[in-house]
Amino acid sequence: MNSARGGLGARPEDRSGLRALTAAIHGGLRAGEIGGIRAAGGVGKSSLLVHLGLDALQRGDVVLHLAAAERSLTPSPGVGPVLAAVRELYDTILGGQHPGWRTADRAAFLVAVERSRFIAPLSEPVTAAQVLAVLTRFRALLDVTPSLVLVDGWDASADTLGELRETLRTFGSCLWAAGASTAGSQGDLLDVALELRPDGGQVQAYVLHDRGQPLGGPVPLERNLARTDRPLTDEPRPGASGCVLYSGGAAGTEAAFGQAAERFGVNEVNYTFDGHVQVRSRGAHPLTEAELEAGDVSLSFVAHRLKRDYGEGNMLRRVLQSLWHQVGEAQEVFVIGTIQPDGTVTGGTGWAAELARMWHRRLWVFDQEKGSWYTWIEPTGAPEGPSGWVPGVAEISAARFCGTGTRYLQKSGAEAIAALFERAFGR
């Protein structure tokens, strides 16, 4: 087992996406050490914790993931909200964002995850004493010692860490904590302190200090290691020449988006791959095998998210991999298709809508059957305010946007695309 743990083992064969961060903090946390991750809400703390957990699980380590009770995604019915939230985030990252996994390997790894990852809720406010109590009880009841403890929703820098640190050292464990102010003014109490800062749709990590040594420089996190769910900045959208449309250049909707972009002088990036029929050459970007693999996604996972069966066709897999890149680069997403009664969008490009929702991109779908634009507003559980699919007038408000949708573009869909660009760039 590696002496440097905490999801940052330095094996050269690891493909976890954490290598830059590993190098920046000298191989990761060691037994008894505590690391803190600070960021504003929605900037990617929870995602980074899950990547740390997956990295440790890849090495066969046991992971204890603790989450404050208020931290949740939309939970599955009949399952505790914290348990469901954390499990769904692991599934989401494995299914749509975690690079380098083939279908057979993913299936085997999911079994290993269930055996070696343990999730428990914490009441708020989270304290070091509470974390210590759960860790000690976990070891006593299960006779299992976690190599890595993850705590989501705890300001570790403002707590008394001596007893917890000593217990971690005795157990041979290390701990990463994440919170809005973790690693803040008292961050020197931590062994390693990181800050995540949004940069467009991506996130950069800044090492505030490493074992008492201030560093301060940015660490370029590999793609999708952490993503901000606040993709739009306060800066106004630039003119057409400063904007980029990300698409696939295929016949139908994508071609119409590309034609509108060219007409108004908007730049294009059209992802393609071997065997893909692309009708637009402007801005063509052939994806390498490595780039395609980075967007790999189990079709069984897609079928589960979209509630339909896609089989295991290789061409469809590559289309979905391409959509991963399109949505990943964009700050907002526009899809032409049909919204199903269950809330999903028809066709393979329904995956673009799912990715946009998972990554909290601003999302608009033009429903060709209803003849209207709808935007997605995440339900919060609060009784006031609209949520779900809400009708409105779509606007291009970001510099980087994705345009995709059905091959069977109808007159209403084509007119909707033309009007969308006219509203943004025609004045």
Protein backbone atom coordinates (compact mmCIF):
# COMPACT_ATOMS: atom_id res chain seq x y z
CA MET A 1 0.00 0.00 0.00
CA ASN A 2 1.31 3.45 -0.80
CA SER A 3 2.80 5.55 1.97
CA ALA A 4 1.15 8.57 0.38
CA ARG A 5 -2.60 8.02 0.31
CA GLY A 6 -5.59 10.27 0.32
CA GLY A 7 -6.40 9.42 -3.27
CA LEU A 8 -3.07 10.75 -4.46
CA GLY A 9 -0.91 7.68 -4.84
CA ALA A 10 2.02 8.20 -7.20
CA ARG A 11 1.89 5.01 -9.24
CA PRO A 12 2.72 5.88 -12.87
CA GLU A 13 0.05 3.53 -14.21
CA ASP A 14 -2.75 5.30 -12.34
CA ARG A 15 -5.10 7.20 -14.65
CA SER A 16 -7.12 8.98 -12.03
CA GLY A 17 -6.76 12.54 -13.32
CA LEU A 18 -5.03 13.59 -10.09
CA ARG A 19 -1.42 13.45 -11.22
CA ALA A 20 -0.82 17.21 -11.33
CA LEU A 21 -2.18 17.61 -7.84
CA THR A 22 -0.17 14.61 -6.66
CA ALA A 23 3.05 16.23 -7.81
CA ALA A 24 2.12 19.60 -6.31
CA ILE A 25 1.74 18.21 -2.77
CA HIS A 26 4.60 15.71 -2.84
CA GLY A 27 2.66 12.49 -3.28
CA GLY A 28 -0.44 13.13 -1.22
CA LEU A 29 -1.46 12.87 2.41
CA ARG A 30 0.26 10.43 4.75
CA ALA A 31 -1.05 8.58 7.79
CA GLY A 32 -2.28 11.02 10.42
CA GLU A 33 -2.39 14.00 8.06
CA ILE A 34 -5.42 16.18 7.37
CA GLY A 35 -5.99 18.10 4.16
CA GLY A 36 -8.56 20.82 3.59
CA ILE A 37 -10.35 21.95 0.42
CA ARG A 38 -11.91 25.42 0.39
CA ALA A 39 -14.28 26.74 -2.26
CA ALA A 40 -17.48 28.67 -2.65
CA GLY A 41 -20.69 26.71 -3.06
CA GLY A 42 -21.02 24.91 -6.39
CA VAL A 43 -17.37 25.12 -7.42
CA GLY A 44 -16.58 21.40 -7.21
CA LYS A 45 -15.59 20.42 -3.67
CA SER A 46 -17.86 17.39 -3.57
CA SER A 47 -16.73 16.26 -7.02
CA LEU A 48 -13.07 16.48 -6.04
CA LEU A 49 -13.71 14.47 -2.87
CA VAL A 50 -15.37 11.74 -4.93
CA HIS A 51 -12.42 11.66 -7.33
CA LEU A 52 -10.10 11.31 -4.34
CA GLY A 53 -12.25 8.44 -3.12
CA LEU A 54 -12.32 6.70 -6.49
CA ASP A 55 -8.55 7.04 -6.78
CA ALA A 56 -8.07 5.32 -3.41
CA LEU A 57 -10.62 2.62 -4.28
CA GLN A 58 -8.70 1.88 -7.49
CA ARG A 59 -5.76 0.90 -5.33
CA GLY A 60 -7.87 -1.42 -3.20
CA ASP A 61 -8.04 0.92 -0.21
CA VAL A 62 -11.08 1.25 2.07
CA VAL A 63 -12.81 4.65 1.98
CA LEU A 64 -15.13 6.14 4.61
CA HIS A 65 -17.15 9.02 3.10
CA LEU A 66 -18.91 11.27 5.63
CA ALA A 67 -21.30 14.00 4.50
CA ALA A 68 -23.18 16.72 6.35
CA ALA A 69 -26.89 16.04 6.38
CA GLU A 70 -27.76 19.13 4.33
CA ARG A 71 -25.46 18.14 1.44
CA SER A 72 -27.48 16.23 -1.10
CA LEU A 73 -28.31 15.82 -4.73
CA THR A 74 -31.83 14.75 -5.68
CA PRO A 75 -32.13 11.54 -3.64
CA SER A 76 -33.63 8.30 -4.88
CA PRO A 77 -36.98 7.33 -3.31
CA GLY A 78 -36.79 5.13 -0.25
CA VAL A 79 -33.09 5.76 0.45
CA GLY A 80 -31.60 8.05 3.06
CA PRO A 81 -30.92 11.44 1.43
CA VAL A 82 -27.22 11.62 2.30
CA LEU A 83 -26.55 8.03 1.27
CA ALA A 84 -28.45 8.50 -1.99
CA ALA A 85 -26.76 11.83 -2.72
CA VAL A 86 -23.22 10.59 -2.28
CA ARG A 87 -23.85 7.33 -4.14
CA GLU A 88 -25.41 9.20 -7.04
CA LEU A 89 -22.41 11.50 -7.26
CA TYR A 90 -20.06 8.50 -7.40
CA ASP A 91 -22.25 6.90 -10.08
CA THR A 92 -22.42 10.13 -12.06
CA ILE A 93 -18.67 10.64 -12.08
CA LEU A 94 -18.00 7.01 -12.93
CA GLY A 95 -20.64 7.00 -15.64
CA GLY A 96 -20.07 10.32 -17.29
CA GLN A 97 -16.96 12.10 -16.10
CA HIS A 98 -14.34 9.66 -14.87
CA PRO A 99 -11.86 9.00 -17.69
CA GLY A 100 -10.17 5.81 -18.78
CA TRP A 101 -12.75 3.15 -17.93
CA ARG A 102 -13.92 0.46 -20.33
CA THR A 103 -17.27 -1.27 -19.85
CA ALA A 104 -16.00 -4.57 -18.40
CA ASP A 105 -13.55 -2.82 -16.09
CA ARG A 106 -16.26 -0.42 -14.93
CA ALA A 107 -18.64 -3.24 -14.03
CA ALA A 108 -15.99 -5.05 -11.99
CA PHE A 109 -14.96 -1.82 -10.30
CA LEU A 110 -18.54 -1.01 -9.28
CA VAL A 111 -18.63 -4.27 -7.33
CA ALA A 112 -15.32 -3.39 -5.64
CA VAL A 113 -16.64 0.08 -4.81
CA GLU A 114 -19.66 -1.33 -2.99
CA ARG A 115 -17.40 -3.58 -0.92
CA SER A 116 -14.80 -0.97 0.03
CA ARG A 117 -16.68 2.36 0.19
CA PHE A 118 -18.77 3.21 3.25
CA ILE A 119 -21.02 6.27 3.48
CA ALA A 120 -22.44 7.84 6.63
CA PRO A 121 -24.26 11.10 7.42
CA LEU A 122 -23.08 13.71 9.92
CA SER A 123 -25.30 16.15 11.77
CA GLU A 124 -24.53 19.84 11.43
CA PRO A 125 -22.49 21.63 12.55
CA VAL A 126 -19.82 19.04 11.83
CA THR A 127 -17.00 18.94 14.39
CA ALA A 128 -13.75 17.05 14.79
CA ALA A 129 -15.24 15.24 17.80
CA GLN A 130 -18.14 14.02 15.68
CA VAL A 131 -15.82 12.81 12.90
CA LEU A 132 -13.64 11.06 15.48
CA ALA A 133 -16.66 9.33 17.05
CA VAL A 134 -17.93 8.02 13.71
CA LEU A 135 -14.46 6.87 12.63
CA THR A 136 -13.86 5.04 15.91
CA ARG A 137 -17.32 3.43 15.88
CA PHE A 138 -16.89 2.41 12.26
CA ARG A 139 -13.62 0.61 13.03
CA ALA A 140 -15.02 -1.07 16.16
CA LEU A 141 -18.23 -2.33 14.57
CA LEU A 142 -16.88 -3.49 11.21
CA ASP A 143 -13.32 -4.31 12.20
CA VAL A 144 -12.24 -2.39 9.12
CA THR A 145 -9.82 0.51 9.04
CA PRO A 146 -10.32 3.08 6.27
CA SER A 147 -7.15 4.25 4.56
CA LEU A 148 -8.95 7.42 3.52
CA VAL A 149 -11.64 9.43 5.31
CA LEU A 150 -13.55 12.06 3.31
CA VAL A 151 -15.68 14.70 5.06
CA ASP A 152 -17.98 16.92 3.01
CA GLY A 153 -19.34 20.02 4.76
CA TRP A 154 -16.80 20.60 7.55
CA ASP A 155 -14.65 23.64 8.27
CA ALA A 156 -11.70 21.64 9.57
CA SER A 157 -9.46 24.70 9.87
CA ALA A 158 -11.63 26.18 12.63
CA ASP A 159 -11.68 23.05 14.83
CA THR A 160 -9.41 21.30 17.33
CA LEU A 161 -7.68 18.54 15.41
CA GLY A 162 -5.14 17.08 17.83
CA GLU A 163 -7.03 13.99 19.02
CA LEU A 164 -8.43 13.25 15.58
CA ARG A 165 -4.99 13.55 14.00
CA GLU A 166 -3.52 11.16 16.58
CA THR A 167 -6.29 8.62 15.97
CA LEU A 168 -5.75 8.83 12.23
CA ARG A 169 -2.04 8.24 12.78
CA THR A 170 -2.79 5.18 14.97
CA PHE A 171 -5.21 3.78 12.39
CA GLY A 172 -2.85 4.49 9.49
CA SER A 173 -5.49 6.72 7.90
CA CYS A 174 -5.55 10.21 6.40
CA LEU A 175 -8.42 12.65 5.91
CA TRP A 176 -9.60 15.22 3.37
CA ALA A 177 -12.22 17.74 4.49
CA ALA A 178 -14.13 20.15 2.25
CA GLY A 179 -16.18 23.20 3.10
CA ALA A 180 -16.88 26.79 2.13
CA SER A 181 -14.22 28.13 4.52
CA THR A 182 -12.06 25.06 5.12
CA ALA A 183 -8.36 25.94 4.83
CA GLY A 184 -9.22 29.57 5.51
CA SER A 185 -7.58 31.96 7.97
CA GLN A 186 -6.58 29.08 10.26
CA GLY A 187 -5.60 26.81 7.40
CA ASP A 188 -2.10 26.44 8.84
CA LEU A 189 -3.63 23.93 11.28
CA LEU A 190 -4.00 21.61 8.30
CA ASP A 191 -1.16 19.66 6.76
CA VAL A 192 -2.24 20.57 3.22
CA ALA A 193 -4.68 23.33 2.26
CA LEU A 194 -6.23 23.76 -1.20
CA GLU A 195 -8.56 26.34 -2.68
CA LEU A 196 -10.70 25.69 -5.77
CA ARG A 197 -11.42 28.68 -8.00
CA PRO A 198 -13.73 28.68 -11.03
CA ASP A 199 -12.26 29.52 -14.42
CA GLY A 200 -15.10 29.56 -16.92
CA GLY A 201 -16.58 26.08 -16.89
CA GLN A 202 -13.44 24.51 -15.41
CA VAL A 203 -11.79 24.74 -12.00
CA GLN A 204 -8.21 25.41 -10.91
CA ALA A 205 -6.74 24.27 -7.59
CA TYR A 206 -4.43 26.57 -5.63
CA VAL A 207 -2.17 24.99 -3.01
CA LEU A 208 -2.36 27.49 -0.16
CA HIS A 209 0.26 25.64 1.83
CA ASP A 210 1.89 22.21 1.94
CA ARG A 211 3.18 21.11 5.35
CA GLY A 212 3.60 24.71 6.41
CA GLN A 213 5.18 25.93 3.18
CA PRO A 214 3.10 28.58 1.37
CA LEU A 215 2.86 27.95 -2.36
CA GLY A 216 -0.06 29.84 -3.82
CA GLY A 217 0.32 28.91 -7.48
CA PRO A 218 -2.44 27.29 -9.55
CA VAL A 219 -2.49 23.55 -10.25
CA PRO A 220 -4.12 22.70 -13.62
CA LEU A 221 -6.63 19.99 -12.74
CA GLU A 222 -7.21 17.47 -15.51
CA ARG A 223 -10.47 17.73 -17.35
CA ASN A 224 -13.63 17.28 -15.28
CA LEU A 225 -11.77 16.55 -12.05
CA ALA A 226 -13.83 19.36 -10.61
CA ARG A 227 -16.41 21.41 -12.46
CA THR A 228 -18.17 24.55 -11.42
CA ASP A 229 -21.95 24.54 -11.46
CA ARG A 230 -21.84 28.32 -11.90
CA PRO A 231 -20.63 28.40 -15.50
CA LEU A 232 -21.67 31.92 -16.33
CA THR A 233 -19.45 34.74 -15.15
CA ASP A 234 -20.58 38.25 -14.36
CA GLU A 235 -18.82 39.47 -17.49
CA PRO A 236 -21.10 40.40 -20.38
CA ARG A 237 -21.16 38.08 -23.37
CA PRO A 238 -18.70 39.25 -26.04
CA GLY A 239 -19.69 39.95 -29.62
CA ALA A 240 -20.07 37.21 -32.19
CA SER A 241 -16.35 37.03 -33.00
CA GLY A 242 -15.58 36.33 -29.34
CA CYS A 243 -18.07 33.47 -29.04
CA VAL A 244 -17.66 29.76 -29.82
CA LEU A 245 -20.30 27.21 -30.78
CA TYR A 246 -19.42 23.63 -29.76
CA SER A 247 -21.22 21.03 -31.82
CA GLY A 248 -20.75 17.96 -34.01
CA GLY A 249 -21.43 19.26 -37.51
CA ALA A 250 -23.79 16.39 -38.32
CA ALA A 251 -26.83 16.71 -40.59
CA GLY A 252 -29.98 18.19 -39.12
CA THR A 253 -29.84 20.28 -35.97
CA GLU A 254 -26.05 20.51 -35.69
CA ALA A 255 -25.70 21.65 -39.30
CA ALA A 256 -28.34 24.34 -38.71
CA PHE A 257 -26.52 25.59 -35.62
CA GLY A 258 -23.28 25.72 -37.61
CA GLN A 259 -24.84 27.57 -40.53
CA ALA A 260 -26.29 30.18 -38.16
CA ALA A 261 -22.93 30.55 -36.42
CA GLU A 262 -21.13 31.13 -39.72
CA ARG A 263 -23.75 33.61 -40.86
CA PHE A 264 -23.19 35.80 -37.79
CA GLY A 265 -19.42 35.29 -37.51
CA VAL A 266 -19.49 33.03 -34.44
CA ASN A 267 -16.55 30.61 -34.21
CA GLU A 268 -17.21 26.88 -34.45
CA VAL A 269 -15.64 23.76 -32.95
CA ASN A 270 -17.23 20.68 -34.50
CA TYR A 271 -16.04 17.45 -32.89
CA THR A 272 -15.71 14.43 -35.15
CA PHE A 273 -14.11 10.98 -35.18
CA ASP A 274 -13.39 8.10 -37.54
CA GLY A 275 -16.63 6.88 -39.10
CA HIS A 276 -18.58 10.01 -38.18
CA VAL A 277 -20.44 11.66 -41.07
CA GLN A 278 -19.89 15.39 -40.70
CA VAL A 279 -21.56 17.80 -43.15
CA ARG A 280 -19.70 20.87 -41.87
CA SER A 281 -15.94 21.23 -42.19
CA ARG A 282 -15.71 24.66 -40.58
CA GLY A 283 -14.03 24.29 -37.19
CA ALA A 284 -13.70 20.50 -37.52
CA HIS A 285 -11.88 18.98 -34.55
CA PRO A 286 -11.08 15.26 -34.96
CA LEU A 287 -11.02 13.55 -31.56
CA THR A 288 -8.12 11.23 -30.86
CA GLU A 289 -8.69 7.80 -29.32
CA ALA A 290 -7.41 9.17 -26.01
CA GLU A 291 -9.85 12.08 -26.17
CA LEU A 292 -12.71 9.75 -27.01
CA GLU A 293 -11.78 7.48 -24.13
CA ALA A 294 -11.80 10.47 -21.78
CA GLY A 295 -15.50 10.83 -22.54
CA ASP A 296 -16.21 7.12 -22.29
CA VAL A 297 -19.50 6.26 -20.71
CA SER A 298 -21.20 2.96 -20.04
CA LEU A 299 -24.28 2.68 -22.23
CA SER A 300 -26.00 0.85 -19.38
CA PHE A 301 -25.50 4.01 -17.32
CA VAL A 302 -26.93 6.14 -20.14
CA ALA A 303 -29.89 3.77 -20.45
CA HIS A 304 -30.50 4.11 -16.72
CA ARG A 305 -30.34 7.92 -16.78
CA LEU A 306 -32.50 8.24 -19.90
CA LYS A 307 -34.76 5.27 -19.07
CA ARG A 308 -34.26 3.53 -22.40
CA ASP A 309 -32.11 0.81 -23.93
CA TYR A 310 -29.31 1.79 -26.35
CA GLY A 311 -27.53 -1.55 -26.62
CA GLU A 312 -23.74 -1.50 -26.93
CA GLY A 313 -23.15 -0.15 -30.45
CA ASN A 314 -19.67 1.27 -30.94
CA MET A 315 -20.81 4.19 -33.16
CA LEU A 316 -23.38 5.30 -30.58
CA ARG A 317 -20.74 5.13 -27.88
CA ARG A 318 -18.53 7.49 -29.89
CA VAL A 319 -21.40 9.90 -30.44
CA LEU A 320 -21.96 9.99 -26.68
CA GLN A 321 -18.24 10.48 -26.11
CA SER A 322 -18.32 13.40 -28.54
CA LEU A 323 -21.28 14.95 -26.71
CA TRP A 324 -19.26 14.72 -23.49
CA HIS A 325 -16.69 17.05 -25.09
CA GLN A 326 -19.29 19.40 -26.55
CA VAL A 327 -21.08 19.94 -23.25
CA GLY A 328 -17.83 19.93 -21.29
CA GLU A 329 -16.48 22.95 -23.14
CA ALA A 330 -19.73 24.91 -23.05
CA GLN A 331 -21.12 27.30 -20.48
CA GLU A 332 -24.68 26.75 -21.67
CA VAL A 333 -26.40 24.14 -23.83
CA PHE A 334 -29.14 24.37 -26.48
CA VAL A 335 -30.85 21.17 -27.65
CA ILE A 336 -33.51 20.63 -30.31
CA GLY A 337 -35.70 17.60 -29.68
CA THR A 338 -38.71 16.46 -27.68
CA ILE A 339 -39.11 16.42 -23.91
CA GLN A 340 -40.54 13.11 -22.76
CA PRO A 341 -43.18 12.79 -20.01
CA ASP A 342 -40.44 11.51 -17.67
CA GLY A 343 -38.43 14.71 -18.20
CA THR A 344 -35.72 13.25 -20.42
CA VAL A 345 -35.08 14.33 -24.00
CA THR A 346 -35.50 12.00 -26.98
CA GLY A 347 -32.67 10.45 -28.95
CA GLY A 348 -28.95 10.09 -28.40
CA THR A 349 -28.61 13.82 -27.97
CA GLY A 350 -30.76 13.45 -24.87
CA TRP A 351 -27.39 12.60 -23.30
CA ALA A 352 -26.29 16.21 -23.92
CA ALA A 353 -29.26 17.40 -21.88
CA GLU A 354 -28.45 14.91 -19.11
CA LEU A 355 -24.82 16.01 -19.00
CA ALA A 356 -25.93 19.64 -18.86
CA ARG A 357 -28.19 18.87 -15.93
CA MET A 358 -25.54 16.81 -14.12
CA TRP A 359 -22.91 19.50 -14.62
CA HIS A 360 -25.35 22.34 -13.87
CA ARG A 361 -24.96 24.03 -17.24
CA ARG A 362 -27.68 26.46 -18.21
CA LEU A 363 -29.89 24.29 -20.41
CA TRP A 364 -32.51 25.11 -23.05
CA VAL A 365 -34.48 22.56 -25.06
CA PHE A 366 -36.69 23.45 -28.00
CA ASP A 367 -39.53 20.92 -28.05
CA GLN A 368 -40.49 20.52 -31.71
CA GLU A 369 -43.85 18.96 -30.83
CA LYS A 370 -44.87 21.84 -28.57
CA GLY A 371 -43.10 24.52 -30.64
CA SER A 372 -41.56 26.19 -27.58
CA TRP A 373 -38.29 26.62 -25.71
CA TYR A 374 -38.00 25.21 -22.19
CA THR A 375 -35.25 25.79 -19.64
CA TRP A 376 -34.36 23.42 -16.84
CA ILE A 377 -34.62 24.74 -13.27
CA GLU A 378 -33.34 22.28 -10.69
CA PRO A 379 -36.01 21.40 -8.11
CA THR A 380 -34.98 22.47 -4.60
CA GLY A 381 -37.85 21.03 -2.61
CA ALA A 382 -39.04 24.51 -1.66
CA PRO A 383 -42.74 25.15 -2.39
CA GLU A 384 -42.20 28.58 -3.94
CA GLY A 385 -40.83 29.27 -7.41
CA PRO A 386 -40.91 27.27 -10.66
CA SER A 387 -38.85 24.13 -11.14
CA GLY A 388 -38.35 21.40 -13.70
CA TRP A 389 -38.97 22.30 -17.36
CA VAL A 390 -40.15 25.91 -17.52
CA PRO A 391 -41.17 27.61 -20.79
CA GLY A 392 -39.37 30.78 -21.82
CA VAL A 393 -37.42 32.61 -24.51
CA ALA A 394 -33.97 31.12 -25.01
CA GLU A 395 -31.06 33.55 -25.02
CA ILE A 396 -27.38 33.03 -25.79
CA SER A 397 -25.78 34.71 -22.78
CA ALA A 398 -22.35 33.03 -22.63
CA ALA A 399 -19.24 33.12 -24.77
CA ARG A 400 -19.07 29.31 -25.11
CA PHE A 401 -22.22 27.41 -25.89
CA CYS A 402 -23.21 24.01 -27.24
CA GLY A 403 -25.80 23.48 -29.97
CA THR A 404 -26.99 19.96 -30.73
CA GLY A 405 -30.12 17.89 -31.22
CA THR A 406 -32.07 15.60 -33.48
CA ARG A 407 -31.12 14.77 -37.07
CA TYR A 408 -34.81 15.15 -37.92
CA LEU A 409 -34.95 18.91 -37.74
CA GLN A 410 -38.40 20.31 -38.45
CA LYS A 411 -39.28 23.75 -39.79
CA SER A 412 -40.15 24.95 -36.28
CA GLY A 413 -36.75 23.81 -34.94
CA ALA A 414 -34.86 25.49 -37.77
CA GLU A 415 -36.77 28.73 -37.21
CA ALA A 416 -36.06 28.52 -33.47
CA ILE A 417 -32.30 28.27 -34.13
CA ALA A 418 -32.36 31.18 -36.57
CA ALA A 419 -34.30 33.35 -34.12
CA LEU A 420 -31.95 32.38 -31.27
CA PHE A 421 -28.93 33.70 -33.18
CA GLU A 422 -30.82 36.75 -34.43
CA ARG A 423 -31.72 37.74 -30.86
CA ALA A 424 -28.10 37.38 -29.75
CA PHE A 425 -26.12 38.75 -32.69
CA GLY A 426 -28.54 40.45 -35.08
CA ARG A 427 -28.73 43.80 -33.37
